N, C-alpha and C. Protein backbone atom coordinates (compact mmCIF):
# COMPACT_ATOMS: atom_id res chain seq x y z
N MET A 1 14.39 15.27 2.11
CA MET A 1 13.88 14.95 0.77
C MET A 1 14.96 14.23 -0.03
N ALA A 2 14.54 13.26 -0.84
CA ALA A 2 15.49 12.54 -1.68
C ALA A 2 16.16 13.50 -2.67
N THR A 3 17.39 13.19 -3.05
CA THR A 3 18.13 14.01 -4.00
C THR A 3 17.45 14.00 -5.37
N LYS A 4 17.34 15.15 -6.00
CA LYS A 4 16.74 15.23 -7.33
C LYS A 4 17.59 14.45 -8.32
N LEU A 5 16.93 13.76 -9.21
CA LEU A 5 17.62 12.94 -10.20
C LEU A 5 17.92 13.73 -11.46
N THR A 6 18.92 13.25 -12.19
CA THR A 6 19.25 13.86 -13.48
C THR A 6 18.99 12.89 -14.63
N GLY A 7 18.61 11.66 -14.28
CA GLY A 7 18.33 10.65 -15.29
C GLY A 7 17.77 9.41 -14.63
N ASN A 8 17.64 8.35 -15.41
CA ASN A 8 17.09 7.10 -14.90
C ASN A 8 18.13 6.38 -14.04
N PRO A 9 17.87 6.21 -12.72
CA PRO A 9 18.86 5.58 -11.84
C PRO A 9 18.69 4.08 -11.69
N PHE A 10 17.66 3.51 -12.34
CA PHE A 10 17.29 2.12 -12.07
C PHE A 10 17.96 1.14 -13.03
N ARG A 11 18.10 -0.08 -12.58
CA ARG A 11 18.73 -1.13 -13.37
C ARG A 11 17.98 -1.33 -14.68
N ALA A 12 18.71 -1.41 -15.77
CA ALA A 12 18.11 -1.56 -17.10
C ALA A 12 17.18 -2.76 -17.16
N ARG A 13 16.01 -2.57 -17.74
CA ARG A 13 14.98 -3.58 -17.94
C ARG A 13 14.26 -3.99 -16.65
N SER A 14 14.60 -3.35 -15.53
CA SER A 14 13.85 -3.60 -14.31
C SER A 14 12.50 -2.90 -14.43
N LYS A 15 11.53 -3.33 -13.64
CA LYS A 15 10.20 -2.73 -13.73
C LYS A 15 10.23 -1.26 -13.34
N ALA A 16 11.04 -0.91 -12.36
CA ALA A 16 11.16 0.50 -11.97
C ALA A 16 11.71 1.32 -13.13
N SER A 17 12.68 0.77 -13.85
CA SER A 17 13.27 1.47 -14.99
C SER A 17 12.26 1.62 -16.13
N ILE A 18 11.51 0.57 -16.40
CA ILE A 18 10.49 0.61 -17.47
C ILE A 18 9.45 1.66 -17.16
N TYR A 19 8.99 1.68 -15.90
CA TYR A 19 7.99 2.68 -15.52
C TYR A 19 8.56 4.09 -15.62
N PHE A 20 9.78 4.27 -15.12
CA PHE A 20 10.41 5.60 -15.15
C PHE A 20 10.48 6.13 -16.58
N ASN A 21 10.84 5.28 -17.52
CA ASN A 21 10.96 5.71 -18.92
C ASN A 21 9.61 6.03 -19.54
N ALA A 22 8.54 5.43 -19.02
CA ALA A 22 7.21 5.60 -19.63
C ALA A 22 6.39 6.73 -19.02
N CYS A 23 6.71 7.12 -17.79
CA CYS A 23 5.79 8.01 -17.07
C CYS A 23 6.07 9.48 -17.25
N ASN A 24 7.10 9.84 -18.01
CA ASN A 24 7.36 11.26 -18.31
C ASN A 24 7.52 12.08 -17.04
N VAL A 25 8.42 11.64 -16.16
CA VAL A 25 8.60 12.33 -14.89
C VAL A 25 9.34 13.65 -15.07
N ASP A 26 8.88 14.67 -14.36
CA ASP A 26 9.55 15.97 -14.33
C ASP A 26 10.65 15.87 -13.27
N LEU A 27 11.91 15.88 -13.69
CA LEU A 27 13.01 15.67 -12.75
C LEU A 27 13.19 16.83 -11.78
N GLU A 28 12.59 17.96 -12.08
CA GLU A 28 12.69 19.11 -11.18
C GLU A 28 11.74 18.95 -10.00
N THR A 29 10.53 18.46 -10.27
CA THR A 29 9.51 18.35 -9.22
C THR A 29 9.30 16.92 -8.71
N GLY A 30 9.64 15.92 -9.54
CA GLY A 30 9.39 14.53 -9.15
C GLY A 30 7.99 14.06 -9.46
N PHE A 31 7.19 14.88 -10.16
CA PHE A 31 5.84 14.48 -10.54
C PHE A 31 5.85 13.89 -11.95
N SER A 32 4.96 12.89 -12.17
CA SER A 32 4.91 12.23 -13.48
C SER A 32 3.49 12.22 -14.02
N ASP A 33 3.36 11.72 -15.25
CA ASP A 33 2.04 11.46 -15.80
C ASP A 33 1.41 10.28 -15.06
N VAL A 34 0.10 10.16 -15.16
CA VAL A 34 -0.61 9.00 -14.62
C VAL A 34 -0.54 7.87 -15.64
N ILE A 35 -0.07 6.70 -15.22
CA ILE A 35 -0.05 5.54 -16.10
C ILE A 35 -1.16 4.59 -15.65
N GLU A 36 -2.16 4.39 -16.50
CA GLU A 36 -3.33 3.62 -16.11
C GLU A 36 -3.15 2.12 -16.44
N HIS A 37 -4.12 1.35 -15.99
CA HIS A 37 -4.03 -0.10 -15.99
C HIS A 37 -3.67 -0.69 -17.35
N ASP A 38 -4.37 -0.27 -18.41
CA ASP A 38 -4.13 -0.86 -19.73
C ASP A 38 -2.69 -0.65 -20.18
N GLN A 39 -2.18 0.56 -19.97
CA GLN A 39 -0.80 0.83 -20.37
C GLN A 39 0.19 0.08 -19.48
N LEU A 40 -0.12 -0.02 -18.19
CA LEU A 40 0.74 -0.78 -17.29
C LEU A 40 0.87 -2.22 -17.77
N CYS A 41 -0.26 -2.79 -18.19
CA CYS A 41 -0.25 -4.17 -18.69
C CYS A 41 0.57 -4.29 -19.97
N GLN A 42 0.43 -3.32 -20.86
CA GLN A 42 1.19 -3.33 -22.10
C GLN A 42 2.69 -3.28 -21.85
N LEU A 43 3.06 -2.61 -20.75
CA LEU A 43 4.47 -2.48 -20.40
C LEU A 43 4.99 -3.65 -19.57
N GLY A 44 4.09 -4.59 -19.25
CA GLY A 44 4.48 -5.72 -18.40
C GLY A 44 4.57 -5.34 -16.94
N LEU A 45 3.79 -4.32 -16.54
CA LEU A 45 3.85 -3.81 -15.18
C LEU A 45 2.56 -4.08 -14.41
N GLU A 46 1.96 -5.25 -14.64
CA GLU A 46 0.77 -5.61 -13.88
C GLU A 46 1.12 -5.57 -12.39
N THR A 47 0.15 -5.18 -11.57
CA THR A 47 0.40 -5.06 -10.14
C THR A 47 -0.55 -5.94 -9.35
N ASP A 48 -0.06 -6.42 -8.19
CA ASP A 48 -0.97 -7.11 -7.28
C ASP A 48 -1.54 -6.07 -6.32
N ASN A 49 -2.34 -6.48 -5.37
CA ASN A 49 -2.99 -5.53 -4.47
C ASN A 49 -2.00 -4.74 -3.63
N GLY A 50 -0.84 -5.34 -3.35
CA GLY A 50 0.16 -4.65 -2.54
C GLY A 50 1.03 -3.69 -3.32
N GLY A 51 1.00 -3.80 -4.66
CA GLY A 51 1.78 -2.88 -5.47
C GLY A 51 3.06 -3.48 -6.02
N SER A 52 3.58 -4.54 -5.42
CA SER A 52 4.82 -5.20 -5.83
C SER A 52 5.90 -4.17 -6.20
N TRP A 53 6.17 -3.96 -7.48
CA TRP A 53 7.27 -3.11 -7.93
C TRP A 53 7.06 -1.63 -7.59
N CYS A 54 5.82 -1.21 -7.29
CA CYS A 54 5.56 0.21 -7.03
C CYS A 54 5.23 0.48 -5.57
N ARG A 55 5.67 -0.39 -4.67
CA ARG A 55 5.47 -0.16 -3.25
C ARG A 55 6.31 1.02 -2.76
N SER A 56 5.83 1.69 -1.72
CA SER A 56 6.53 2.86 -1.20
C SER A 56 7.89 2.52 -0.61
N ASP A 57 8.07 1.26 -0.18
CA ASP A 57 9.36 0.87 0.40
C ASP A 57 10.19 0.06 -0.60
N GLY A 58 9.84 0.14 -1.88
CA GLY A 58 10.58 -0.57 -2.91
C GLY A 58 11.61 0.31 -3.60
N THR A 59 12.13 -0.18 -4.70
CA THR A 59 13.18 0.54 -5.43
C THR A 59 12.70 1.90 -5.93
N LEU A 60 11.51 1.93 -6.51
CA LEU A 60 10.95 3.19 -7.01
C LEU A 60 10.64 4.14 -5.85
N GLY A 61 10.10 3.57 -4.76
CA GLY A 61 9.73 4.37 -3.60
C GLY A 61 10.91 4.94 -2.85
N LYS A 62 12.12 4.46 -3.12
CA LYS A 62 13.30 5.02 -2.48
C LYS A 62 13.50 6.47 -2.91
N HIS A 63 13.06 6.80 -4.12
CA HIS A 63 13.27 8.14 -4.66
C HIS A 63 12.00 8.98 -4.69
N PHE A 64 10.83 8.34 -4.86
CA PHE A 64 9.60 9.09 -5.10
C PHE A 64 8.47 8.71 -4.15
N GLU A 65 7.60 9.69 -3.88
CA GLU A 65 6.31 9.39 -3.28
C GLU A 65 5.43 8.84 -4.41
N ILE A 66 4.68 7.77 -4.14
CA ILE A 66 3.92 7.09 -5.19
C ILE A 66 2.44 7.06 -4.85
N TYR A 67 1.62 7.49 -5.80
CA TYR A 67 0.17 7.41 -5.60
C TYR A 67 -0.38 6.27 -6.44
N ARG A 68 -0.99 5.30 -5.76
CA ARG A 68 -1.57 4.14 -6.42
C ARG A 68 -3.09 4.23 -6.29
N ALA A 69 -3.76 4.66 -7.34
CA ALA A 69 -5.22 4.76 -7.30
C ALA A 69 -5.82 3.37 -7.46
N LYS A 70 -6.88 3.11 -6.68
CA LYS A 70 -7.49 1.78 -6.70
C LYS A 70 -8.96 1.84 -7.12
N LEU A 71 -9.40 0.76 -7.75
CA LEU A 71 -10.79 0.58 -8.13
C LEU A 71 -11.19 -0.82 -7.71
N LYS A 72 -12.19 -0.90 -6.82
CA LYS A 72 -12.64 -2.18 -6.28
C LYS A 72 -11.48 -2.97 -5.66
N GLY A 73 -10.62 -2.24 -4.96
CA GLY A 73 -9.53 -2.87 -4.24
C GLY A 73 -8.29 -3.18 -5.06
N LYS A 74 -8.34 -2.93 -6.38
CA LYS A 74 -7.21 -3.23 -7.25
C LYS A 74 -6.60 -1.95 -7.81
N ILE A 75 -5.28 -1.94 -7.91
CA ILE A 75 -4.57 -0.78 -8.45
C ILE A 75 -4.88 -0.63 -9.93
N TYR A 76 -5.37 0.55 -10.32
CA TYR A 76 -5.64 0.76 -11.74
C TYR A 76 -4.80 1.88 -12.35
N SER A 77 -4.06 2.63 -11.52
CA SER A 77 -3.13 3.62 -12.07
C SER A 77 -2.04 3.92 -11.07
N VAL A 78 -0.89 4.33 -11.59
CA VAL A 78 0.27 4.66 -10.76
C VAL A 78 0.82 6.00 -11.21
N GLN A 79 1.14 6.86 -10.25
CA GLN A 79 1.71 8.16 -10.56
C GLN A 79 2.76 8.53 -9.52
N LEU A 80 3.85 9.14 -9.96
CA LEU A 80 4.84 9.69 -9.04
C LEU A 80 4.37 11.09 -8.66
N VAL A 81 4.35 11.36 -7.35
CA VAL A 81 3.79 12.65 -6.89
C VAL A 81 4.81 13.41 -6.05
N GLY A 82 6.03 13.47 -6.53
CA GLY A 82 7.07 14.23 -5.86
C GLY A 82 8.19 13.33 -5.35
N TYR A 83 9.29 13.96 -4.99
CA TYR A 83 10.42 13.21 -4.45
C TYR A 83 10.12 12.75 -3.03
N LYS A 84 10.77 11.69 -2.62
CA LYS A 84 10.57 11.10 -1.29
C LYS A 84 10.79 12.15 -0.21
N GLN A 85 9.86 12.17 0.75
CA GLN A 85 9.93 13.18 1.80
C GLN A 85 10.69 12.73 3.03
N ASN A 86 11.00 11.44 3.13
CA ASN A 86 11.80 10.96 4.26
C ASN A 86 12.80 9.95 3.74
N ASP A 87 13.70 9.55 4.60
CA ASP A 87 14.81 8.70 4.20
C ASP A 87 14.60 7.22 4.48
N PHE A 88 13.41 6.84 4.96
CA PHE A 88 13.20 5.43 5.27
C PHE A 88 13.12 4.61 3.98
N THR A 89 13.93 3.57 3.88
CA THR A 89 13.95 2.73 2.69
C THR A 89 13.61 1.28 2.99
N GLY A 90 13.45 0.96 4.26
CA GLY A 90 13.15 -0.43 4.62
C GLY A 90 14.38 -1.31 4.72
N LYS A 91 15.57 -0.73 4.56
CA LYS A 91 16.80 -1.52 4.62
C LYS A 91 17.02 -2.03 6.04
N ILE A 92 17.25 -3.31 6.18
CA ILE A 92 17.40 -3.94 7.48
C ILE A 92 18.83 -4.47 7.62
N ALA A 93 19.41 -4.26 8.79
CA ALA A 93 20.77 -4.73 9.04
C ALA A 93 20.85 -6.24 8.80
N ASN A 94 21.95 -6.68 8.19
CA ASN A 94 22.09 -8.09 7.81
C ASN A 94 21.97 -9.03 9.00
N VAL A 95 22.52 -8.65 10.13
CA VAL A 95 22.49 -9.54 11.29
C VAL A 95 21.05 -9.77 11.75
N ILE A 96 20.20 -8.77 11.59
CA ILE A 96 18.79 -8.90 11.98
C ILE A 96 18.05 -9.76 10.97
N ALA A 97 18.29 -9.51 9.69
CA ALA A 97 17.65 -10.30 8.64
C ALA A 97 18.02 -11.78 8.77
N GLU A 98 19.28 -12.06 9.08
CA GLU A 98 19.73 -13.44 9.23
C GLU A 98 19.07 -14.11 10.43
N LYS A 99 18.89 -13.35 11.50
CA LYS A 99 18.29 -13.93 12.70
C LYS A 99 16.86 -14.38 12.45
N TYR A 100 16.09 -13.58 11.71
CA TYR A 100 14.66 -13.81 11.60
C TYR A 100 14.23 -14.61 10.37
N LYS A 101 15.05 -14.67 9.34
CA LYS A 101 14.56 -15.22 8.08
C LYS A 101 14.19 -16.70 8.16
N HIS A 102 14.71 -17.40 9.15
CA HIS A 102 14.38 -18.83 9.31
C HIS A 102 13.44 -19.07 10.49
N ASP A 103 12.96 -17.99 11.12
CA ASP A 103 12.06 -18.12 12.27
C ASP A 103 10.62 -18.31 11.83
N ASN A 104 9.79 -18.75 12.77
CA ASN A 104 8.35 -18.86 12.51
C ASN A 104 7.69 -17.50 12.52
N CYS A 105 6.63 -17.38 11.73
CA CYS A 105 5.77 -16.20 11.77
C CYS A 105 5.23 -16.05 13.18
N ARG A 106 5.19 -14.83 13.70
CA ARG A 106 4.74 -14.57 15.07
C ARG A 106 3.24 -14.82 15.24
N ILE A 107 2.51 -14.94 14.13
CA ILE A 107 1.07 -15.17 14.22
C ILE A 107 0.71 -16.60 13.81
N LEU A 108 1.19 -17.04 12.65
CA LEU A 108 0.79 -18.34 12.10
C LEU A 108 1.69 -19.49 12.52
N SER A 109 2.84 -19.19 13.10
CA SER A 109 3.80 -20.21 13.53
C SER A 109 4.18 -21.14 12.38
N VAL A 110 4.43 -20.56 11.21
CA VAL A 110 4.95 -21.29 10.07
C VAL A 110 6.21 -20.58 9.59
N LYS A 111 7.06 -21.31 8.90
CA LYS A 111 8.29 -20.71 8.37
C LYS A 111 8.39 -21.04 6.89
N GLY A 112 9.36 -20.44 6.23
CA GLY A 112 9.55 -20.72 4.81
C GLY A 112 9.80 -19.47 4.00
N LYS A 113 9.66 -19.61 2.68
CA LYS A 113 10.05 -18.53 1.78
C LYS A 113 9.15 -17.31 1.86
N TYR A 114 7.97 -17.45 2.46
CA TYR A 114 7.05 -16.30 2.52
C TYR A 114 7.20 -15.49 3.80
N ILE A 115 8.20 -15.78 4.61
CA ILE A 115 8.44 -15.00 5.82
C ILE A 115 9.07 -13.66 5.43
N GLU A 116 8.53 -12.59 5.99
CA GLU A 116 9.06 -11.25 5.76
C GLU A 116 9.49 -10.65 7.10
N ILE A 117 10.53 -9.83 7.07
CA ILE A 117 11.01 -9.17 8.29
C ILE A 117 10.26 -7.84 8.41
N ASP A 118 9.42 -7.76 9.43
CA ASP A 118 8.52 -6.62 9.60
C ASP A 118 9.07 -5.64 10.62
N HIS A 119 9.01 -4.35 10.30
CA HIS A 119 9.32 -3.30 11.25
C HIS A 119 8.11 -3.12 12.16
N LYS A 120 8.26 -3.38 13.46
CA LYS A 120 7.11 -3.39 14.37
C LYS A 120 6.32 -2.09 14.33
N ASP A 121 7.01 -0.97 14.33
CA ASP A 121 6.34 0.33 14.30
C ASP A 121 5.77 0.55 12.91
N GLY A 122 4.44 0.44 12.77
CA GLY A 122 3.81 0.53 11.47
C GLY A 122 3.98 1.86 10.78
N ARG A 123 4.16 2.92 11.56
CA ARG A 123 4.35 4.25 10.97
C ARG A 123 5.83 4.55 10.75
N LYS A 124 6.68 3.69 11.31
CA LYS A 124 8.13 3.83 11.18
C LYS A 124 8.63 5.15 11.74
N ASN A 125 7.88 5.72 12.70
CA ASN A 125 8.31 6.97 13.33
C ASN A 125 9.53 6.76 14.22
N ASP A 126 9.74 5.51 14.70
CA ASP A 126 10.90 5.25 15.53
C ASP A 126 12.01 4.60 14.72
N TYR A 127 11.96 4.79 13.38
CA TYR A 127 12.96 4.16 12.52
C TYR A 127 14.36 4.58 12.92
N LYS A 128 15.25 3.61 13.01
CA LYS A 128 16.62 3.87 13.39
C LYS A 128 17.55 3.65 12.20
N LEU A 129 18.65 4.37 12.20
CA LEU A 129 19.62 4.18 11.14
C LEU A 129 20.14 2.75 11.17
N HIS A 130 20.62 2.31 10.04
CA HIS A 130 21.03 0.92 9.84
C HIS A 130 21.89 0.40 10.99
N ASP A 131 22.87 1.19 11.45
CA ASP A 131 23.80 0.71 12.47
C ASP A 131 23.22 0.75 13.88
N ASN A 132 22.06 1.37 14.05
CA ASN A 132 21.47 1.49 15.39
C ASN A 132 20.28 0.57 15.61
N GLN A 133 19.93 -0.24 14.61
CA GLN A 133 18.78 -1.13 14.74
C GLN A 133 19.07 -2.26 15.72
N THR A 134 18.01 -2.74 16.40
CA THR A 134 18.13 -3.89 17.27
C THR A 134 17.13 -4.94 16.82
N VAL A 135 17.34 -6.19 17.25
CA VAL A 135 16.44 -7.26 16.84
C VAL A 135 15.02 -7.00 17.36
N ASP A 136 14.89 -6.26 18.47
CA ASP A 136 13.58 -5.99 19.05
C ASP A 136 12.77 -4.99 18.24
N ASP A 137 13.39 -4.34 17.27
CA ASP A 137 12.66 -3.40 16.41
C ASP A 137 11.87 -4.13 15.33
N PHE A 138 12.14 -5.43 15.15
CA PHE A 138 11.57 -6.18 14.03
C PHE A 138 10.94 -7.48 14.51
N GLN A 139 10.20 -8.13 13.59
CA GLN A 139 9.60 -9.43 13.88
C GLN A 139 9.36 -10.16 12.56
N PRO A 140 9.38 -11.50 12.58
CA PRO A 140 9.07 -12.26 11.37
C PRO A 140 7.57 -12.46 11.21
N LEU A 141 7.04 -12.13 10.05
CA LEU A 141 5.62 -12.34 9.75
C LEU A 141 5.48 -13.00 8.38
N HIS A 142 4.51 -13.90 8.27
CA HIS A 142 4.17 -14.45 6.96
C HIS A 142 3.68 -13.29 6.08
N LYS A 143 3.93 -13.38 4.78
CA LYS A 143 3.57 -12.30 3.87
C LYS A 143 2.12 -11.87 4.02
N CYS A 144 1.19 -12.84 4.14
CA CYS A 144 -0.23 -12.47 4.22
C CYS A 144 -0.52 -11.70 5.50
N CYS A 145 0.18 -12.05 6.60
CA CYS A 145 0.02 -11.32 7.86
C CYS A 145 0.59 -9.92 7.75
N ASN A 146 1.72 -9.80 7.07
CA ASN A 146 2.35 -8.50 6.90
C ASN A 146 1.48 -7.58 6.06
N VAL A 147 0.81 -8.13 5.04
CA VAL A 147 -0.10 -7.34 4.21
C VAL A 147 -1.27 -6.85 5.06
N ALA A 148 -1.81 -7.74 5.91
CA ALA A 148 -2.92 -7.35 6.78
C ALA A 148 -2.48 -6.27 7.76
N LYS A 149 -1.31 -6.45 8.33
CA LYS A 149 -0.80 -5.44 9.27
C LYS A 149 -0.65 -4.09 8.59
N ARG A 150 -0.11 -4.10 7.38
CA ARG A 150 0.10 -2.86 6.65
C ARG A 150 -1.22 -2.11 6.44
N GLN A 151 -2.28 -2.86 6.15
CA GLN A 151 -3.59 -2.24 5.94
C GLN A 151 -4.13 -1.65 7.24
N HIS A 152 -3.99 -2.38 8.34
CA HIS A 152 -4.48 -1.86 9.62
C HIS A 152 -3.67 -0.64 10.08
N CYS A 153 -2.37 -0.64 9.79
CA CYS A 153 -1.54 0.51 10.14
C CYS A 153 -1.94 1.73 9.29
N LYS A 154 -2.33 1.48 8.06
CA LYS A 154 -2.80 2.56 7.19
C LYS A 154 -4.07 3.18 7.76
N VAL A 155 -4.99 2.33 8.23
CA VAL A 155 -6.24 2.82 8.83
C VAL A 155 -5.93 3.63 10.09
N CYS A 156 -4.98 3.15 10.89
CA CYS A 156 -4.58 3.87 12.10
C CYS A 156 -4.04 5.25 11.75
N THR A 157 -3.23 5.33 10.71
CA THR A 157 -2.67 6.61 10.28
C THR A 157 -3.78 7.56 9.85
N GLU A 158 -4.80 7.02 9.17
CA GLU A 158 -5.90 7.86 8.66
C GLU A 158 -6.87 8.29 9.76
N THR A 159 -7.08 7.43 10.76
CA THR A 159 -8.11 7.70 11.77
C THR A 159 -7.56 8.14 13.12
N GLY A 160 -6.28 7.84 13.38
CA GLY A 160 -5.72 8.14 14.68
C GLY A 160 -6.07 7.10 15.73
N LEU A 161 -6.66 5.97 15.31
CA LEU A 161 -7.06 4.90 16.22
C LEU A 161 -6.30 3.63 15.91
N LYS A 162 -5.70 3.04 16.92
CA LYS A 162 -4.99 1.77 16.74
C LYS A 162 -5.99 0.65 16.47
N PHE A 163 -5.46 -0.48 16.01
CA PHE A 163 -6.30 -1.64 15.74
C PHE A 163 -6.96 -2.12 17.03
N ASN A 164 -8.24 -2.43 16.95
CA ASN A 164 -9.01 -2.92 18.10
C ASN A 164 -8.96 -4.44 18.13
N ALA A 165 -8.16 -5.01 19.04
CA ALA A 165 -7.98 -6.46 19.10
C ALA A 165 -9.25 -7.19 19.50
N MET A 166 -10.25 -6.49 20.02
CA MET A 166 -11.51 -7.13 20.36
C MET A 166 -12.19 -7.68 19.10
N LEU A 167 -11.83 -7.15 17.94
CA LEU A 167 -12.38 -7.65 16.67
C LEU A 167 -11.90 -9.08 16.39
N LEU A 168 -10.81 -9.48 17.04
CA LEU A 168 -10.29 -10.83 16.89
C LEU A 168 -10.73 -11.74 18.04
N GLY A 169 -11.55 -11.21 18.93
CA GLY A 169 -12.06 -12.02 20.03
C GLY A 169 -11.34 -11.81 21.35
N TYR A 170 -10.36 -10.91 21.39
CA TYR A 170 -9.68 -10.62 22.65
C TYR A 170 -10.59 -9.81 23.57
N SER A 171 -10.27 -9.81 24.86
CA SER A 171 -11.10 -9.11 25.84
C SER A 171 -10.77 -7.63 25.94
N VAL A 172 -9.66 -7.20 25.37
CA VAL A 172 -9.26 -5.79 25.40
C VAL A 172 -8.82 -5.35 24.01
N ALA A 173 -8.92 -4.05 23.78
CA ALA A 173 -8.50 -3.50 22.49
C ALA A 173 -6.98 -3.37 22.41
N GLN A 174 -6.36 -2.97 23.51
CA GLN A 174 -4.91 -2.80 23.63
C GLN A 174 -4.47 -3.45 24.93
N HIS A 175 -3.24 -3.92 25.01
CA HIS A 175 -2.81 -4.49 26.29
C HIS A 175 -2.23 -3.43 27.22
N ILE A 176 -1.97 -2.23 26.68
CA ILE A 176 -1.53 -1.11 27.49
C ILE A 176 -1.86 0.18 26.76
N GLY A 177 -2.27 1.21 27.51
CA GLY A 177 -2.54 2.51 26.92
C GLY A 177 -3.87 2.59 26.21
N PRO A 178 -4.22 3.79 25.73
CA PRO A 178 -5.50 4.01 25.04
C PRO A 178 -5.46 3.52 23.61
N ILE A 179 -6.62 3.38 23.01
CA ILE A 179 -6.69 2.96 21.61
C ILE A 179 -6.29 4.11 20.69
N GLU A 180 -6.38 5.34 21.16
CA GLU A 180 -5.95 6.49 20.35
C GLU A 180 -4.43 6.48 20.21
N TYR A 181 -3.96 6.79 19.01
CA TYR A 181 -2.51 6.82 18.76
C TYR A 181 -1.93 8.13 19.28
N HIS A 182 -0.91 8.01 20.13
CA HIS A 182 -0.25 9.20 20.68
C HIS A 182 1.26 9.11 20.51
N GLY A 183 1.68 8.72 19.33
CA GLY A 183 3.11 8.71 19.04
C GLY A 183 3.82 7.39 19.27
N SER A 184 3.11 6.37 19.77
CA SER A 184 3.74 5.07 19.99
C SER A 184 2.77 3.95 19.61
N CYS A 185 3.31 2.89 18.99
CA CYS A 185 2.50 1.73 18.60
C CYS A 185 2.44 0.68 19.70
N ILE A 186 3.21 0.85 20.76
CA ILE A 186 3.27 -0.15 21.83
C ILE A 186 1.88 -0.33 22.44
N GLY A 187 1.52 -1.59 22.66
CA GLY A 187 0.20 -1.90 23.20
C GLY A 187 -0.75 -2.42 22.14
N CYS A 188 -0.46 -2.12 20.88
CA CYS A 188 -1.30 -2.59 19.77
C CYS A 188 -0.97 -4.06 19.46
N TYR A 189 -1.99 -4.80 19.11
CA TYR A 189 -1.80 -6.21 18.73
C TYR A 189 -0.75 -6.35 17.64
N TRP A 190 -0.80 -5.51 16.62
CA TRP A 190 0.08 -5.67 15.47
C TRP A 190 1.52 -5.29 15.77
N TYR A 191 1.73 -4.49 16.82
CA TYR A 191 3.10 -4.11 17.16
C TYR A 191 3.93 -5.32 17.54
N ASP A 192 3.32 -6.26 18.26
CA ASP A 192 4.01 -7.48 18.65
C ASP A 192 2.97 -8.53 19.04
N PRO A 193 2.42 -9.26 18.07
CA PRO A 193 1.36 -10.24 18.36
C PRO A 193 1.78 -11.29 19.40
N LYS A 194 3.04 -11.72 19.37
CA LYS A 194 3.50 -12.73 20.32
C LYS A 194 3.46 -12.18 21.74
N GLU A 195 3.95 -10.96 21.92
CA GLU A 195 3.91 -10.34 23.25
C GLU A 195 2.48 -10.08 23.68
N PHE A 196 1.64 -9.62 22.75
CA PHE A 196 0.24 -9.35 23.06
C PHE A 196 -0.43 -10.61 23.60
N ASN A 197 -0.26 -11.72 22.91
CA ASN A 197 -0.87 -12.98 23.34
C ASN A 197 -0.33 -13.43 24.69
N SER A 198 0.96 -13.25 24.89
CA SER A 198 1.58 -13.65 26.15
C SER A 198 1.00 -12.87 27.32
N ILE A 199 0.83 -11.56 27.14
CA ILE A 199 0.33 -10.72 28.22
C ILE A 199 -1.15 -10.98 28.48
N ILE A 200 -1.94 -11.08 27.41
CA ILE A 200 -3.38 -11.27 27.56
C ILE A 200 -3.70 -12.63 28.20
N SER A 201 -2.89 -13.62 27.90
CA SER A 201 -3.18 -14.97 28.41
C SER A 201 -2.48 -15.29 29.72
N SER A 202 -1.75 -14.32 30.30
CA SER A 202 -0.95 -14.61 31.48
C SER A 202 -1.76 -15.06 32.69
N GLY A 203 -3.02 -14.60 32.77
CA GLY A 203 -3.87 -15.01 33.91
C GLY A 203 -4.84 -16.11 33.58
N PHE A 204 -4.68 -16.71 32.40
CA PHE A 204 -5.63 -17.74 31.96
C PHE A 204 -5.52 -19.01 32.81
N VAL A 205 -6.66 -19.53 33.21
CA VAL A 205 -6.70 -20.79 33.94
C VAL A 205 -7.60 -21.75 33.17
N LYS A 206 -7.03 -22.87 32.75
CA LYS A 206 -7.81 -23.85 31.99
C LYS A 206 -8.84 -24.50 32.91
N LYS A 207 -10.10 -24.53 32.47
CA LYS A 207 -11.19 -25.02 33.31
C LYS A 207 -11.31 -26.53 33.29
N ARG A 208 -10.94 -27.16 32.20
CA ARG A 208 -11.09 -28.61 32.10
C ARG A 208 -9.83 -29.24 31.54
């Protein structure tokens, strides 16, 4: 569990700091009041569908578990619901970030400012400490692809079923193992789309 705070730890005038000051958080429990859409807007804390400043792997999420209630797919309230229960912060070793930041997205084959370094394991159960990470633990994805992956990984966590690649027109749901999640993401399309495509197409013979 994250260390209990004694005050506002965030950079002055940052969105995390503004929210912290407004949400009346109980520093003993890590729970706060619910801040709804209208007040968020008044504070300059409008959110996109992904949460931006209130994402679980962001600055605020480093310390707290965050509940983002949605209405018609859009965040309409944010609440802190206790201190962080694990130590994953999304911090990536510099050598890995440097390797991938100029690479093409593994799905769209485009590069540029919207490339994000994605942790292949969507549940981050195999998360390694900063000094033990390898380049094979990560992949470059365009932001829109990373958002889609995050949603499918969320569904997998809720249902226990990995993403079914047949929905994208592939002939199999997984390239190895069952579609049920049993502690490993390997075999799922989203774990490594480039490898998935390589394996699935290895026996392809062009007819014309």
